[in-house]
Every structure is written in C-alpha cells, then in structure tokens.
Protein backbone atom coordinates (compact mmCIF):
# COMPACT_ATOMS: atom_id res chain seq x y z
CA MET A 1 -6.14 23.29 56.94
CA GLU A 2 -9.83 23.53 56.12
CA SER A 3 -10.51 26.45 58.42
CA PHE A 4 -8.59 29.41 59.56
CA CYS A 5 -7.72 27.49 62.77
CA LYS A 6 -7.01 24.07 64.03
CA TRP A 7 -6.12 22.36 67.24
CA GLU A 8 -3.06 20.16 67.50
CA GLY A 9 -3.23 18.85 71.02
CA ASP A 10 -3.11 21.93 73.29
CA THR A 11 -1.81 24.11 70.61
CA LEU A 12 -4.03 26.33 68.47
CA VAL A 13 -2.75 27.05 64.99
CA LEU A 14 -4.07 30.22 63.38
CA ASN A 15 -3.81 31.43 59.77
CA ILE A 16 -3.92 35.27 59.91
CA LEU A 17 -4.37 38.04 57.29
CA GLY A 18 -2.67 41.01 59.10
CA ARG A 19 -4.02 44.50 58.30
CA PRO A 20 -1.39 46.99 59.48
CA ARG A 21 -1.81 50.75 59.93
CA ALA A 22 -5.24 50.26 61.48
CA LYS A 23 -6.62 52.85 63.97
CA LYS A 24 -7.15 50.10 66.55
CA THR A 25 -5.81 46.61 67.01
CA LYS A 26 -8.72 44.21 66.84
CA ILE A 27 -9.96 40.88 65.58
CA GLY A 28 -11.80 41.19 62.25
CA LYS A 29 -13.76 38.73 60.14
CA VAL A 30 -12.86 35.36 58.78
CA LYS A 31 -11.70 35.80 55.22
CA GLY A 32 -11.66 32.34 53.44
CA LYS A 33 -9.00 30.36 55.36
CA GLN A 34 -7.63 33.33 57.31
CA LEU A 35 -8.57 35.38 60.31
CA GLU A 36 -8.30 39.04 59.57
CA ILE A 37 -6.62 40.99 62.38
CA HIS A 38 -6.27 44.80 62.26
CA VAL A 39 -3.02 45.99 63.72
CA ALA A 40 -2.30 49.54 64.86
CA GLU A 41 1.38 49.58 63.90
CA ASP A 42 3.36 50.25 60.75
CA PRO A 43 4.67 47.25 58.87
CA VAL A 44 8.34 48.19 59.35
CA ARG A 45 10.97 45.64 60.15
CA GLY A 46 8.50 43.25 61.83
CA LYS A 47 7.01 45.89 64.20
CA ALA A 48 3.42 45.03 63.14
CA THR A 49 4.09 41.37 63.79
CA ALA A 50 5.55 42.00 67.28
CA HIS A 51 2.55 44.16 68.07
CA LEU A 52 0.20 41.38 66.83
CA VAL A 53 1.91 38.78 68.98
CA ASP A 54 1.56 41.12 72.08
CA PHE A 55 -2.26 41.60 71.16
CA LEU A 56 -2.73 37.78 70.78
CA ALA A 57 -1.08 37.09 74.04
CA ASP A 58 -3.62 39.27 75.86
CA GLU A 59 -6.58 37.91 73.80
CA PHE A 60 -5.69 34.33 74.50
CA GLY A 61 -4.46 34.74 78.06
CA VAL A 62 -0.93 33.52 77.48
CA LYS A 63 2.62 34.86 77.77
CA ARG A 64 4.25 36.18 74.63
CA THR A 65 6.67 33.27 74.70
CA ALA A 66 3.72 30.84 74.22
CA ILE A 67 3.20 32.25 70.68
CA THR A 68 5.28 31.14 67.77
CA VAL A 69 5.22 32.86 64.34
CA VAL A 70 5.61 29.92 62.03
CA PHE A 71 5.79 32.15 58.89
CA GLY A 72 4.97 35.76 57.77
CA THR A 73 7.03 37.84 60.11
CA TYR A 74 7.48 40.35 57.33
CA ASN A 75 4.28 39.54 55.38
CA VAL A 76 0.47 40.13 55.82
CA ASN A 77 -0.09 36.31 55.48
CA LYS A 78 0.94 34.70 58.70
CA GLN A 79 0.62 31.43 60.67
CA VAL A 80 1.02 31.48 64.48
CA ARG A 81 0.86 28.62 67.01
CA ILE A 82 -0.54 29.51 70.49
CA HIS A 83 0.40 26.89 73.15
CA THR A 84 -2.33 26.20 75.75
CA PRO A 85 -4.50 29.35 75.43
CA THR A 86 -6.49 30.03 78.61
CA LYS A 87 -9.08 32.34 76.79
CA LEU A 88 -10.82 32.05 73.41
CA PRO A 89 -12.24 35.05 71.57
CA GLY A 90 -15.71 34.34 70.23
CA VAL A 91 -14.59 33.74 66.69
CA ILE A 92 -12.46 30.71 67.69
CA PRO A 93 -14.33 27.43 68.02
CA PRO A 94 -13.61 25.32 71.16
CA ARG A 95 -11.76 22.06 70.83
C-alpha cells in the first residue's frame, strides 16, 4: 500500500494510527502511510477500537457492520475495511 488508503472495488482500506486518550475523537494528519485518528477512549480491552469503529461509521455514512478491523484491535497500528462508504472526509481521495 503506497498511501494510507486504497480502494478495492467498493471497499476502502485504511491504515490507521490510533491515538487513544484524546480529548475529542477526530481525524488527524496523514503520518507516512497511516491516517492519524485521535480517539477519546482509554485503550482497555479494545474499547478504543470499538469507539473508533463507531466514529468511522458516522464519518463514512455506513453501519457499524460495514467496517471490518483487519488487524490492530489491541494496538495503535490498525487496518480497517469500510464497505461502500456513502461519505468521504476531506482527507480521503475519491476513487
């Protein structure tokens, strides 16, 4: 993956650098080949990742079930797949 994201048909694949314990959940900057996302949750037993998935569902206009965490449930380095997003935040290039 040359960028932090790529399209595989209708599915968007994102490499994420999670930043737990933030004051507010928000999309940050691109850091190399990862998109930094600040998460307002503690990294305990996957709670931050669950919160991140809820946030991404709202940001991309999909149901929570349309998002798959490929790896990194208990790590700050994650990859997620978002099936058929209906909205794209400004940092995400269109297909």
